[in-house]
Amino acid sequence: MPSLTVRKLGRDIIERLKARAKSNGRSLEAELREVLTKAAREGDQFNLREHAERIAAMARGRAQTDSTALLRRDRRR
């Protein structure tokens, strides 16, 4: 399995990660694996198109105002 080295990480960050690992009952290495794995998976899960479709679904059936009209009204102020 490949290794990873992270350089130039502030002491304050390292101490916070150590505290997080301790509170989760893990070693620092295990905690870092968990954090990195979760971050990588979240990156895969976020899809802008799907996010926009979810937002559109929440507004489905509601009257929508034409954004052009709103912009024109705002510019006249």
PDB file of N, CA and C in Angstrom:
ATOM      1  N   MET A   1       0.856  -1.180   0.000  1.00  0.00           N
ATOM      2  CA  MET A   1       0.000   0.000   0.000  1.00  0.00           C
ATOM      3  C   MET A   1       0.898   1.239   0.000  1.00  0.00           C
ATOM      4  N   PRO A   2       0.591   2.246  -0.818  1.00  0.00           N
ATOM      5  CA  PRO A   2       1.410   3.450  -0.887  1.00  0.00           C
ATOM      6  C   PRO A   2       1.386   4.256   0.410  1.00  0.00           C
ATOM      7  N   SER A   3       2.443   5.056   0.586  1.00  0.00           N
ATOM      8  CA  SER A   3       2.563   5.941   1.746  1.00  0.00           C
ATOM      9  C   SER A   3       2.388   7.376   1.301  1.00  0.00           C
ATOM     10  N   LEU A   4       2.156   8.233   2.267  1.00  0.00           N
ATOM     11  CA  LEU A   4       1.972   9.654   2.004  1.00  0.00           C
ATOM     12  C   LEU A   4       2.686  10.444   3.082  1.00  0.00           C
ATOM     13  N   THR A   5       3.430  11.471   2.687  1.00  0.00           N
ATOM     14  CA  THR A   5       4.101  12.339   3.637  1.00  0.00           C
ATOM     15  C   THR A   5       3.525  13.740   3.492  1.00  0.00           C
ATOM     16  N   VAL A   6       3.166  14.353   4.605  1.00  0.00           N
ATOM     17  CA  VAL A   6       2.643  15.718   4.594  1.00  0.00           C
ATOM     18  C   VAL A   6       3.643  16.588   5.336  1.00  0.00           C
ATOM     19  N   ARG A   7       4.139  17.604   4.658  1.00  0.00           N
ATOM     20  CA  ARG A   7       5.124  18.502   5.254  1.00  0.00           C
ATOM     21  C   ARG A   7       4.497  19.855   5.544  1.00  0.00           C
ATOM     22  N   LYS A   8       5.172  20.595   6.409  1.00  0.00           N
ATOM     23  CA  LYS A   8       4.819  21.986   6.720  1.00  0.00           C
ATOM     24  C   LYS A   8       3.393  22.130   7.238  1.00  0.00           C
ATOM     25  N   LEU A   9       3.040  21.275   8.158  1.00  0.00           N
ATOM     26  CA  LEU A   9       1.744  21.349   8.827  1.00  0.00           C
ATOM     27  C   LEU A   9       1.980  21.991  10.185  1.00  0.00           C
ATOM     28  N   GLY A  10       1.235  23.025  10.488  1.00  0.00           N
ATOM     29  CA  GLY A  10       1.450  23.762  11.731  1.00  0.00           C
ATOM     30  C   GLY A  10       1.282  22.909  12.982  1.00  0.00           C
ATOM     31  N   ARG A  11       2.031  23.277  14.021  1.00  0.00           N
ATOM     32  CA  ARG A  11       1.947  22.533  15.298  1.00  0.00           C
ATOM     33  C   ARG A  11       0.538  22.551  15.865  1.00  0.00           C
ATOM     34  N   ASP A  12      -0.138  23.682  15.716  1.00  0.00           N
ATOM     35  CA  ASP A  12      -1.506  23.781  16.237  1.00  0.00           C
ATOM     36  C   ASP A  12      -2.429  22.778  15.551  1.00  0.00           C
ATOM     37  N   ILE A  13      -2.256  22.593  14.265  1.00  0.00           N
ATOM     38  CA  ILE A  13      -3.073  21.620  13.534  1.00  0.00           C
ATOM     39  C   ILE A  13      -2.746  20.204  13.993  1.00  0.00           C
ATOM     40  N   ILE A  14      -1.485  19.920  14.158  1.00  0.00           N
ATOM     41  CA  ILE A  14      -1.075  18.593  14.615  1.00  0.00           C
ATOM     42  C   ILE A  14      -1.653  18.301  15.994  1.00  0.00           C
ATOM     43  N   GLU A  15      -1.601  19.280  16.877  1.00  0.00           N
ATOM     44  CA  GLU A  15      -2.144  19.085  18.224  1.00  0.00           C
ATOM     45  C   GLU A  15      -3.658  18.863  18.180  1.00  0.00           C
ATOM     46  N   ARG A  16      -4.334  19.587  17.321  1.00  0.00           N
ATOM     47  CA  ARG A  16      -5.786  19.395  17.191  1.00  0.00           C
ATOM     48  C   ARG A  16      -6.112  18.019  16.640  1.00  0.00           C
ATOM     49  N   LEU A  17      -5.314  17.560  15.676  1.00  0.00           N
ATOM     50  CA  LEU A  17      -5.530  16.225  15.123  1.00  0.00           C
ATOM     51  C   LEU A  17      -5.249  15.141  16.167  1.00  0.00           C
ATOM     52  N   LYS A  18      -4.214  15.352  16.976  1.00  0.00           N
ATOM     53  CA  LYS A  18      -3.920  14.396  18.055  1.00  0.00           C
ATOM     54  C   LYS A  18      -5.081  14.337  19.046  1.00  0.00           C
ATOM     55  N   ALA A  19      -5.607  15.494  19.402  1.00  0.00           N
ATOM     56  CA  ALA A  19      -6.737  15.537  20.340  1.00  0.00           C
ATOM     57  C   ALA A  19      -7.957  14.843  19.740  1.00  0.00           C
ATOM     58  N   ARG A  20      -8.191  15.080  18.454  1.00  0.00           N
ATOM     59  CA  ARG A  20      -9.313  14.433  17.771  1.00  0.00           C
ATOM     60  C   ARG A  20      -9.142  12.921  17.768  1.00  0.00           C
ATOM     61  N   ALA A  21      -7.921  12.468  17.477  1.00  0.00           N
ATOM     62  CA  ALA A  21      -7.645  11.031  17.465  1.00  0.00           C
ATOM     63  C   ALA A  21      -7.891  10.426  18.840  1.00  0.00           C
ATOM     64  N   LYS A  22      -7.421  11.119  19.865  1.00  0.00           N
ATOM     65  CA  LYS A  22      -7.593  10.615  21.232  1.00  0.00           C
ATOM     66  C   LYS A  22      -9.072  10.521  21.587  1.00  0.00           C
ATOM     67  N   SER A  23      -9.841  11.547  21.224  1.00  0.00           N
ATOM     68  CA  SER A  23     -11.270  11.523  21.567  1.00  0.00           C
ATOM     69  C   SER A  23     -12.025  10.441  20.800  1.00  0.00           C
ATOM     70  N   ASN A  24     -11.493  10.039  19.651  1.00  0.00           N
ATOM     71  CA  ASN A  24     -12.121   8.970  18.871  1.00  0.00           C
ATOM     72  C   ASN A  24     -11.515   7.601  19.165  1.00  0.00           C
ATOM     73  N   GLY A  25     -10.571   7.550  20.104  1.00  0.00           N
ATOM     74  CA  GLY A  25      -9.984   6.273  20.494  1.00  0.00           C
ATOM     75  C   GLY A  25      -9.103   5.657  19.413  1.00  0.00           C
ATOM     76  N   ARG A  26      -8.446   6.517  18.629  1.00  0.00           N
ATOM     77  CA  ARG A  26      -7.597   6.023  17.547  1.00  0.00           C
ATOM     78  C   ARG A  26      -6.199   6.614  17.680  1.00  0.00           C
ATOM     79  N   SER A  27      -5.272   5.983  16.991  1.00  0.00           N
ATOM     80  CA  SER A  27      -3.930   6.563  16.885  1.00  0.00           C
ATOM     81  C   SER A  27      -4.010   7.745  15.926  1.00  0.00           C
ATOM     82  N   LEU A  28      -2.995   8.584  15.942  1.00  0.00           N
ATOM     83  CA  LEU A  28      -2.963   9.718  15.018  1.00  0.00           C
ATOM     84  C   LEU A  28      -2.994   9.216  13.578  1.00  0.00           C
ATOM     85  N   GLU A  29      -2.229   8.183  13.292  1.00  0.00           N
ATOM     86  CA  GLU A  29      -2.200   7.633  11.935  1.00  0.00           C
ATOM     87  C   GLU A  29      -3.576   7.131  11.505  1.00  0.00           C
ATOM     88  N   ALA A  30      -4.265   6.412  12.384  1.00  0.00           N
ATOM     89  CA  ALA A  30      -5.597   5.905  12.056  1.00  0.00           C
ATOM     90  C   ALA A  30      -6.585   7.058  11.865  1.00  0.00           C
ATOM     91  N   GLU A  31      -6.449   8.085  12.684  1.00  0.00           N
ATOM     92  CA  GLU A  31      -7.341   9.247  12.554  1.00  0.00           C
ATOM     93  C   GLU A  31      -7.121   9.954  11.226  1.00  0.00           C
ATOM     94  N   LEU A  32      -5.852  10.113  10.853  1.00  0.00           N
ATOM     95  CA  LEU A  32      -5.550  10.758   9.582  1.00  0.00           C
ATOM     96  C   LEU A  32      -6.070   9.944   8.399  1.00  0.00           C
ATOM     97  N   ARG A  33      -5.966   8.620   8.488  1.00  0.00           N
ATOM     98  CA  ARG A  33      -6.528   7.770   7.433  1.00  0.00           C
ATOM     99  C   ARG A  33      -8.027   7.997   7.320  1.00  0.00           C
ATOM    100  N   GLU A  34      -8.696   8.071   8.464  1.00  0.00           N
ATOM    101  CA  GLU A  34     -10.147   8.287   8.478  1.00  0.00           C
ATOM    102  C   GLU A  34     -10.507   9.648   7.877  1.00  0.00           C
ATOM    103  N   VAL A  35      -9.807  10.689   8.287  1.00  0.00           N
ATOM    104  CA  VAL A  35     -10.084  12.040   7.786  1.00  0.00           C
ATOM    105  C   VAL A  35      -9.868  12.109   6.273  1.00  0.00           C
ATOM    106  N   LEU A  36      -8.749  11.583   5.798  1.00  0.00           N
ATOM    107  CA  LEU A  36      -8.442  11.634   4.370  1.00  0.00           C
ATOM    108  C   LEU A  36      -9.401  10.783   3.544  1.00  0.00           C
ATOM    109  N   THR A  37      -9.757   9.623   4.054  1.00  0.00           N
ATOM    110  CA  THR A  37     -10.700   8.748   3.344  1.00  0.00           C
ATOM    111  C   THR A  37     -12.057   9.427   3.230  1.00  0.00           C
ATOM    112  N   LYS A  38     -12.522   9.992   4.321  1.00  0.00           N
ATOM    113  CA  LYS A  38     -13.819  10.672   4.313  1.00  0.00           C
ATOM    114  C   LYS A  38     -13.798  11.870   3.361  1.00  0.00           C
ATOM    115  N   ALA A  39     -12.745  12.656   3.390  1.00  0.00           N
ATOM    116  CA  ALA A  39     -12.633  13.818   2.507  1.00  0.00           C
ATOM    117  C   ALA A  39     -12.635  13.386   1.037  1.00  0.00           C
ATOM    118  N   ALA A  40     -11.928  12.317   0.728  1.00  0.00           N
ATOM    119  CA  ALA A  40     -11.875  11.840  -0.652  1.00  0.00           C
ATOM    120  C   ALA A  40     -13.235  11.337  -1.117  1.00  0.00           C
ATOM    121  N   ARG A  41     -13.950  10.660  -0.258  1.00  0.00           N
ATOM    122  CA  ARG A  41     -15.277  10.149  -0.629  1.00  0.00           C
ATOM    123  C   ARG A  41     -16.283  11.273  -0.778  1.00  0.00           C
ATOM    124  N   GLU A  42     -16.226  12.268   0.094  1.00  0.00           N
ATOM    125  CA  GLU A  42     -17.144  13.399  -0.013  1.00  0.00           C
ATOM    126  C   GLU A  42     -16.921  14.134  -1.319  1.00  0.00           C
ATOM    127  N   GLY A  43     -15.682  14.249  -1.734  1.00  0.00           N
ATOM    128  CA  GLY A  43     -15.383  14.905  -3.002  1.00  0.00           C
ATOM    129  C   GLY A  43     -16.023  14.181  -4.168  1.00  0.00           C
ATOM    130  N   ASP A  44     -16.070  12.870  -4.104  1.00  0.00           N
ATOM    131  CA  ASP A  44     -16.692  12.082  -5.163  1.00  0.00           C
ATOM    132  C   ASP A  44     -18.209  12.219  -5.140  1.00  0.00           C
ATOM    133  N   GLN A  45     -18.751  12.424  -3.967  1.00  0.00           N
ATOM    134  CA  GLN A  45     -20.205  12.436  -3.835  1.00  0.00           C
ATOM    135  C   GLN A  45     -20.836  13.741  -4.289  1.00  0.00           C
ATOM    136  N   PHE A  46     -20.098  14.842  -4.229  1.00  0.00           N
ATOM    137  CA  PHE A  46     -20.693  16.118  -4.583  1.00  0.00           C
ATOM    138  C   PHE A  46     -20.689  16.287  -6.090  1.00  0.00           C
ATOM    139  N   ASN A  47     -21.864  16.455  -6.632  1.00  0.00           N
ATOM    140  CA  ASN A  47     -22.042  16.653  -8.054  1.00  0.00           C
ATOM    141  C   ASN A  47     -22.916  17.881  -8.221  1.00  0.00           C
ATOM    142  N   LEU A  48     -22.386  18.912  -8.868  1.00  0.00           N
ATOM    143  CA  LEU A  48     -23.101  20.180  -8.983  1.00  0.00           C
ATOM    144  C   LEU A  48     -24.443  20.022  -9.687  1.00  0.00           C
ATOM    145  N   ARG A  49     -24.480  19.232 -10.734  1.00  0.00           N
ATOM    146  CA  ARG A  49     -25.745  19.042 -11.457  1.00  0.00           C
ATOM    147  C   ARG A  49     -26.799  18.395 -10.548  1.00  0.00           C
ATOM    148  N   GLU A  50     -26.411  17.367  -9.818  1.00  0.00           N
ATOM    149  CA  GLU A  50     -27.348  16.709  -8.909  1.00  0.00           C
ATOM    150  C   GLU A  50     -27.810  17.673  -7.822  1.00  0.00           C
ATOM    151  N   HIS A  51     -26.891  18.485  -7.335  1.00  0.00           N
ATOM    152  CA  HIS A  51     -27.224  19.469  -6.300  1.00  0.00           C
ATOM    153  C   HIS A  51     -28.254  20.469  -6.845  1.00  0.00           C
ATOM    154  N   ALA A  52     -28.041  20.960  -8.061  1.00  0.00           N
ATOM    155  CA  ALA A  52     -28.978  21.897  -8.685  1.00  0.00           C
ATOM    156  C   ALA A  52     -30.339  21.240  -8.900  1.00  0.00           C
ATOM    157  N   GLU A  53     -30.348  19.983  -9.282  1.00  0.00           N
ATOM    158  CA  GLU A  53     -31.606  19.268  -9.492  1.00  0.00           C
ATOM    159  C   GLU A  53     -32.372  19.094  -8.184  1.00  0.00           C
ATOM    160  N   ARG A  54     -31.649  18.854  -7.077  1.00  0.00           N
ATOM    161  CA  ARG A  54     -32.307  18.748  -5.770  1.00  0.00           C
ATOM    162  C   ARG A  54     -32.938  20.078  -5.371  1.00  0.00           C
ATOM    163  N   ILE A  55     -32.222  21.173  -5.622  1.00  0.00           N
ATOM    164  CA  ILE A  55     -32.764  22.491  -5.301  1.00  0.00           C
ATOM    165  C   ILE A  55     -33.998  22.776  -6.162  1.00  0.00           C
ATOM    166  N   ALA A  56     -33.917  22.467  -7.451  1.00  0.00           N
ATOM    167  CA  ALA A  56     -35.052  22.681  -8.352  1.00  0.00           C
ATOM    168  C   ALA A  56     -36.254  21.853  -7.907  1.00  0.00           C
ATOM    169  N   ALA A  57     -36.022  20.648  -7.443  1.00  0.00           N
ATOM    170  CA  ALA A  57     -37.119  19.786  -6.985  1.00  0.00           C
ATOM    171  C   ALA A  57     -37.816  20.386  -5.765  1.00  0.00           C
ATOM    172  N   MET A  58     -37.062  21.070  -4.907  1.00  0.00           N
ATOM    173  CA  MET A  58     -37.672  21.697  -3.731  1.00  0.00           C
ATOM    174  C   MET A  58     -38.595  22.838  -4.133  1.00  0.00           C
ATOM    175  N   ALA A  59     -38.329  23.477  -5.278  1.00  0.00           N
ATOM    176  CA  ALA A  59     -39.132  24.619  -5.723  1.00  0.00           C
ATOM    177  C   ALA A  59     -40.196  24.216  -6.739  1.00  0.00           C
ATOM    178  N   ARG A  60     -40.241  22.952  -7.094  1.00  0.00           N
ATOM    179  CA  ARG A  60     -41.200  22.490  -8.096  1.00  0.00           C
ATOM    180  C   ARG A  60     -42.627  22.793  -7.647  1.00  0.00           C
ATOM    181  N   GLY A  61     -43.421  23.314  -8.586  1.00  0.00           N
ATOM    182  CA  GLY A  61     -44.813  23.618  -8.278  1.00  0.00           C
ATOM    183  C   GLY A  61     -45.023  25.014  -7.706  1.00  0.00           C
ATOM    184  N   ARG A  62     -43.973  25.716  -7.420  1.00  0.00           N
ATOM    185  CA  ARG A  62     -44.086  27.082  -6.898  1.00  0.00           C
ATOM    186  C   ARG A  62     -43.894  28.067  -8.042  1.00  0.00           C
ATOM    187  N   ALA A  63     -44.596  29.173  -7.959  1.00  0.00           N
ATOM    188  CA  ALA A  63     -44.457  30.210  -8.982  1.00  0.00           C
ATOM    189  C   ALA A  63     -43.049  30.804  -8.901  1.00  0.00           C
ATOM    190  N   GLN A  64     -42.427  30.935 -10.052  1.00  0.00           N
ATOM    191  CA  GLN A  64     -41.081  31.481 -10.108  1.00  0.00           C
ATOM    192  C   GLN A  64     -41.110  32.856 -10.761  1.00  0.00           C
ATOM    193  N   THR A  65     -40.331  33.767 -10.231  1.00  0.00           N
ATOM    194  CA  THR A  65     -40.220  35.103 -10.792  1.00  0.00           C
ATOM    195  C   THR A  65     -39.087  35.112 -11.809  1.00  0.00           C
ATOM    196  N   ASP A  66     -39.348  35.759 -12.942  1.00  0.00           N
ATOM    197  CA  ASP A  66     -38.326  35.883 -13.977  1.00  0.00           C
ATOM    198  C   ASP A  66     -37.178  36.718 -13.432  1.00  0.00           C
ATOM    199  N   SER A  67     -35.982  36.177 -13.462  1.00  0.00           N
ATOM    200  CA  SER A  67     -34.828  36.884 -12.906  1.00  0.00           C
ATOM    201  C   SER A  67     -34.522  38.174 -13.676  1.00  0.00           C
ATOM    202  N   THR A  68     -34.887  38.212 -14.955  1.00  0.00           N
ATOM    203  CA  THR A  68     -34.669  39.427 -15.750  1.00  0.00           C
ATOM    204  C   THR A  68     -35.456  40.588 -15.158  1.00  0.00           C
ATOM    205  N   ALA A  69     -36.686  40.328 -14.803  1.00  0.00           N
ATOM    206  CA  ALA A  69     -37.521  41.381 -14.206  1.00  0.00           C
ATOM    207  C   ALA A  69     -36.930  41.849 -12.879  1.00  0.00           C
ATOM    208  N   LEU A  70     -36.432  40.928 -12.092  1.00  0.00           N
ATOM    209  CA  LEU A  70     -35.829  41.297 -10.805  1.00  0.00           C
ATOM    210  C   LEU A  70     -34.583  42.148 -11.011  1.00  0.00           C
ATOM    211  N   LEU A  71     -33.745  41.781 -11.970  1.00  0.00           N
ATOM    212  CA  LEU A  71     -32.536  42.546 -12.251  1.00  0.00           C
ATOM    213  C   LEU A  71     -32.867  43.944 -12.746  1.00  0.00           C
ATOM    214  N   ARG A  72     -33.838  44.071 -13.633  1.00  0.00           N
ATOM    215  CA  ARG A  72     -34.233  45.394 -14.140  1.00  0.00           C
ATOM    216  C   ARG A  72     -34.753  46.276 -13.026  1.00  0.00           C
ATOM    217  N   ARG A  73     -35.570  45.707 -12.162  1.00  0.00           N
ATOM    218  CA  ARG A  73     -36.116  46.471 -11.040  1.00  0.00           C
ATOM    219  C   ARG A  73     -34.991  46.931 -10.104  1.00  0.00           C
ATOM    220  N   ASP A  74     -34.048  46.057  -9.875  1.00  0.00           N
ATOM    221  CA  ASP A  74     -32.931  46.393  -9.000  1.00  0.00           C
ATOM    222  C   ASP A  74     -32.063  47.505  -9.597  1.00  0.00           C
ATOM    223  N   ARG A  75     -31.873  47.483 -10.897  1.00  0.00           N
ATOM    224  CA  ARG A  75     -31.035  48.494 -11.561  1.00  0.00           C
ATOM    225  C   ARG A  75     -31.690  49.881 -11.537  1.00  0.00           C
ATOM    226  N   ARG A  76     -33.015  49.913 -11.495  1.00  0.00           N
ATOM    227  CA  ARG A  76     -33.722  51.195 -11.462  1.00  0.00           C
ATOM    228  C   ARG A  76     -33.641  51.894 -10.114  1.00  0.00           C
ATOM    229  N   ARG A  77     -33.220  51.195  -9.103  1.00  0.00           N
ATOM    230  CA  ARG A  77     -33.143  51.811  -7.760  1.00  0.00           C
ATOM    231  C   ARG A  77     -32.099  52.864  -7.688  1.00  0.00           C
TER     232      ARG A  77
END
